[in-house]
């Protein structure tokens, strides 16, 4: 707990020392392993971060957030298969977290499983109807399925929830352009640049 307090105060070196000391006292402490891994993620040491997150998962395989953190790290390092597996495990353990569904959808979209991505984004939206990132990503997957008019509705919904969402304006402008609606496309592109 002292390590967490130090981490929250910005003392990462002190937090690291406390987490390492906690592991010396109790090598099975999954929380100390997890918190140490989170610190190493922030320091950009990807190899160490994955090792520590794997250790935390091995110590307690019922922590959805540990799978999600490792999945995020694996997304960042290009290990899509590992990230997909981790987010699937996180969802298996906690179906109520919309971010897990969103991130697994992003991975599915990256591997060209657009229908699977749409399904995951829809689940994220069921859990959090005002999740503008999920609306944006759902729209992007629909564009890839040539459902451009439906995607425009999604981008519009994202903008409704977050009126300053430049990326939603930009993507909607591209969708309007694909439908030959140049006036609407220009308006949205102008709004995206504002």
Protein backbone atom coordinates (compact mmCIF):
# COMPACT_ATOMS: atom_id res chain seq x y z
CA UNK A 1 0.00 0.00 0.00
CA UNK A 2 2.89 2.35 0.69
CA UNK A 3 4.17 1.64 -2.82
CA UNK A 4 0.80 2.57 -4.27
CA UNK A 5 0.81 5.80 -2.26
CA UNK A 6 4.30 6.61 -3.51
CA UNK A 7 3.25 5.81 -7.07
CA UNK A 8 0.24 8.13 -6.77
CA UNK A 9 2.55 10.85 -5.42
CA UNK A 10 4.84 10.47 -8.45
CA UNK A 11 7.65 8.72 -6.60
CA UNK A 12 8.13 5.84 -9.03
CA UNK A 13 11.53 4.84 -7.67
CA UNK A 14 10.18 4.62 -4.12
CA UNK A 15 7.12 2.73 -5.35
CA UNK A 16 9.30 0.29 -7.25
CA UNK A 17 11.45 -0.33 -4.17
CA UNK A 18 8.35 -0.96 -2.05
CA UNK A 19 6.82 -3.37 -4.57
CA UNK A 20 10.12 -5.25 -4.84
CA UNK A 21 10.34 -5.43 -1.04
CA UNK A 22 6.76 -6.74 -0.89
CA UNK A 23 7.77 -9.49 -3.33
CA UNK A 24 10.78 -10.39 -1.17
CA UNK A 25 8.47 -10.74 1.83
CA UNK A 26 5.78 -12.58 -0.12
CA UNK A 27 6.90 -13.89 -3.53
CA UNK A 28 3.28 -14.93 -4.25
CA UNK A 29 1.93 -11.37 -3.98
CA UNK A 30 0.10 -10.98 -7.28
CA UNK A 31 -0.72 -7.33 -6.50
CA UNK A 32 2.94 -6.44 -5.96
CA UNK A 33 3.82 -8.22 -9.22
CA UNK A 34 1.01 -6.43 -11.02
CA UNK A 35 1.91 -3.00 -9.63
CA UNK A 36 5.58 -3.52 -10.47
CA UNK A 37 4.53 -4.47 -14.00
CA UNK A 38 2.46 -1.30 -14.32
CA UNK A 39 5.52 0.74 -13.36
CA UNK A 40 7.64 -1.06 -15.94
CA UNK A 41 5.01 -0.40 -18.63
CA UNK A 42 5.34 3.31 -17.87
CA UNK A 43 9.13 3.02 -18.18
CA UNK A 44 8.77 1.46 -21.66
CA UNK A 45 10.50 -1.78 -20.66
CA UNK A 46 8.15 -4.01 -22.64
CA UNK A 47 9.99 -7.28 -22.07
CA UNK A 48 10.11 -6.83 -18.30
CA UNK A 49 6.51 -5.60 -18.25
CA UNK A 50 5.22 -8.68 -20.04
CA UNK A 51 7.26 -10.95 -17.76
CA UNK A 52 5.89 -9.28 -14.62
CA UNK A 53 2.30 -9.28 -15.89
CA UNK A 54 2.62 -12.96 -16.78
CA UNK A 55 3.91 -13.65 -13.27
CA UNK A 56 0.97 -11.73 -11.76
CA UNK A 57 -1.45 -13.77 -13.90
CA UNK A 58 0.24 -17.02 -12.90
CA UNK A 59 -0.06 -16.06 -9.23
CA UNK A 60 -3.74 -15.20 -9.60
CA UNK A 61 -5.34 -16.18 -12.92
CA UNK A 62 -8.64 -14.56 -11.90
CA UNK A 63 -7.56 -10.93 -12.36
CA UNK A 64 -9.19 -9.55 -15.50
CA UNK A 65 -7.28 -6.27 -15.32
CA UNK A 66 -3.93 -8.11 -15.44
CA UNK A 67 -4.96 -9.86 -18.67
CA UNK A 68 -6.20 -6.52 -20.04
CA UNK A 69 -2.94 -4.77 -19.19
CA UNK A 70 -0.89 -7.51 -20.79
CA UNK A 71 -3.26 -7.44 -23.78
CA UNK A 72 -2.70 -3.70 -24.12
CA UNK A 73 1.06 -4.20 -23.94
CA UNK A 74 0.87 -6.95 -26.54
CA UNK A 75 -1.23 -4.71 -28.82
CA UNK A 76 1.45 -2.05 -28.51
CA UNK A 77 4.25 -4.50 -29.38
CA UNK A 78 2.36 -6.06 -32.32
CA UNK A 79 1.53 -9.41 -30.72
CA UNK A 80 -2.08 -9.45 -31.92
CA UNK A 81 -2.67 -13.16 -31.26
CA UNK A 82 -1.50 -12.78 -27.67
CA UNK A 83 -3.50 -9.59 -27.21
CA UNK A 84 -6.63 -11.23 -28.58
CA UNK A 85 -6.20 -14.14 -26.19
CA UNK A 86 -5.61 -11.80 -23.24
CA UNK A 87 -8.66 -9.65 -23.92
CA UNK A 88 -10.76 -12.78 -24.40
CA UNK A 89 -9.58 -13.96 -20.97
CA UNK A 90 -10.32 -10.55 -19.44
CA UNK A 91 -13.83 -10.68 -20.90
CA UNK A 92 -14.31 -14.24 -19.67
CA UNK A 93 -13.54 -13.00 -16.16
CA UNK A 94 -15.44 -9.70 -16.37
CA UNK A 95 -18.06 -9.28 -19.10
CA UNK A 96 -19.14 -5.91 -17.71
CA UNK A 97 -16.09 -3.84 -18.70
CA UNK A 98 -16.74 -2.01 -22.00
CA UNK A 99 -13.06 -1.19 -22.55
CA UNK A 100 -12.20 -4.89 -22.76
CA UNK A 101 -14.79 -5.33 -25.51
CA UNK A 102 -13.58 -2.20 -27.33
CA UNK A 103 -9.94 -3.29 -27.29
CA UNK A 104 -10.72 -6.82 -28.41
CA UNK A 105 -12.77 -5.30 -31.23
CA UNK A 106 -9.80 -3.17 -32.26
CA UNK A 107 -7.62 -6.27 -32.43
CA UNK A 108 -10.23 -8.15 -34.46
CA UNK A 109 -10.44 -5.20 -36.84
CA UNK A 110 -6.64 -5.24 -37.22
CA UNK A 111 -6.74 -8.91 -38.25
CA UNK A 112 -9.60 -8.20 -40.71
CA UNK A 113 -12.32 -9.89 -38.64
CA UNK A 114 -14.70 -6.98 -39.21
CA UNK A 115 -17.86 -8.87 -38.25
CA UNK A 116 -16.23 -9.98 -35.00
CA UNK A 117 -15.10 -6.38 -34.36
CA UNK A 118 -18.65 -5.08 -34.95
CA UNK A 119 -20.01 -7.62 -32.47
CA UNK A 120 -17.47 -6.59 -29.82
CA UNK A 121 -18.12 -2.88 -30.36
CA UNK A 122 -21.85 -3.54 -30.06
CA UNK A 123 -21.28 -5.25 -26.73
CA UNK A 124 -19.22 -2.28 -25.52
CA UNK A 125 -22.09 0.01 -26.54
CA UNK A 126 -24.66 -2.12 -24.73
CA UNK A 127 -22.61 -1.68 -21.58
CA UNK A 128 -21.89 2.02 -22.13
CA UNK A 129 -24.23 3.63 -24.67
CA UNK A 130 -22.38 6.97 -24.57
CA UNK A 131 -18.96 5.44 -25.30
CA UNK A 132 -17.91 7.69 -28.16
CA UNK A 133 -14.77 5.68 -28.98
CA UNK A 134 -16.89 2.55 -29.43
CA UNK A 135 -19.26 4.45 -31.75
CA UNK A 136 -16.29 5.66 -33.79
CA UNK A 137 -14.72 2.21 -34.05
CA UNK A 138 -18.07 0.58 -34.80
CA UNK A 139 -18.46 3.06 -37.66
CA UNK A 140 -14.96 2.32 -38.94
CA UNK A 141 -15.68 -1.42 -39.03
CA UNK A 142 -18.97 -0.78 -40.82
CA UNK A 143 -17.13 1.21 -43.50
CA UNK A 144 -14.86 -1.78 -44.04
CA UNK A 145 -18.01 -3.89 -44.50
CA UNK A 146 -19.24 -1.33 -47.09
CA UNK A 147 -22.05 -0.17 -44.78
CA UNK A 148 -21.11 3.48 -45.21
CA UNK A 149 -24.53 5.01 -44.49
CA UNK A 150 -24.73 3.07 -41.22
CA UNK A 151 -21.22 4.24 -40.35
CA UNK A 152 -22.30 7.87 -40.81
CA UNK A 153 -25.01 7.29 -38.21
CA UNK A 154 -22.38 5.95 -35.81
CA UNK A 155 -20.05 8.89 -36.36
CA UNK A 156 -22.99 11.24 -35.80
CA UNK A 157 -23.79 9.48 -32.53
CA UNK A 158 -20.16 9.77 -31.42
CA UNK A 159 -20.29 13.50 -32.18
CA UNK A 160 -23.56 13.81 -30.25
CA UNK A 161 -21.86 12.42 -27.15
CA UNK A 162 -18.61 14.28 -27.70
CA UNK A 163 -19.17 17.39 -29.86
CA UNK A 164 -15.44 18.18 -30.11
CA UNK A 165 -14.54 14.74 -31.48
CA UNK A 166 -12.37 15.77 -34.44
CA UNK A 167 -11.66 12.18 -35.50
CA UNK A 168 -15.39 11.43 -35.72
CA UNK A 169 -15.90 14.52 -37.92
CA UNK A 170 -12.97 13.48 -40.10
CA UNK A 171 -14.17 9.90 -40.53
CA UNK A 172 -17.71 11.07 -41.23
CA UNK A 173 -16.34 13.44 -43.88
CA UNK A 174 -14.56 10.52 -45.56
CA UNK A 175 -17.77 8.47 -45.43
CA UNK A 176 -19.80 11.34 -46.90
CA UNK A 177 -17.18 11.68 -49.65
CA UNK A 178 -17.53 7.96 -50.46
CA UNK A 179 -21.27 8.49 -50.86
CA UNK A 180 -20.70 11.49 -53.15
CA UNK A 181 -22.00 14.00 -50.59
CA UNK A 182 -19.26 16.57 -51.07
CA UNK A 183 -20.94 19.49 -49.27
CA UNK A 184 -21.42 17.46 -46.09
CA UNK A 185 -17.89 16.06 -46.45
CA UNK A 186 -16.40 19.56 -46.68
CA UNK A 187 -18.38 20.78 -43.66
CA UNK A 188 -17.18 17.89 -41.55
CA UNK A 189 -13.59 18.23 -42.73
CA UNK A 190 -13.66 21.92 -41.79
CA UNK A 191 -15.09 21.01 -38.38
CA UNK A 192 -12.41 18.34 -37.90
CA UNK A 193 -9.67 20.89 -38.53
CA UNK A 194 -11.20 23.51 -36.20
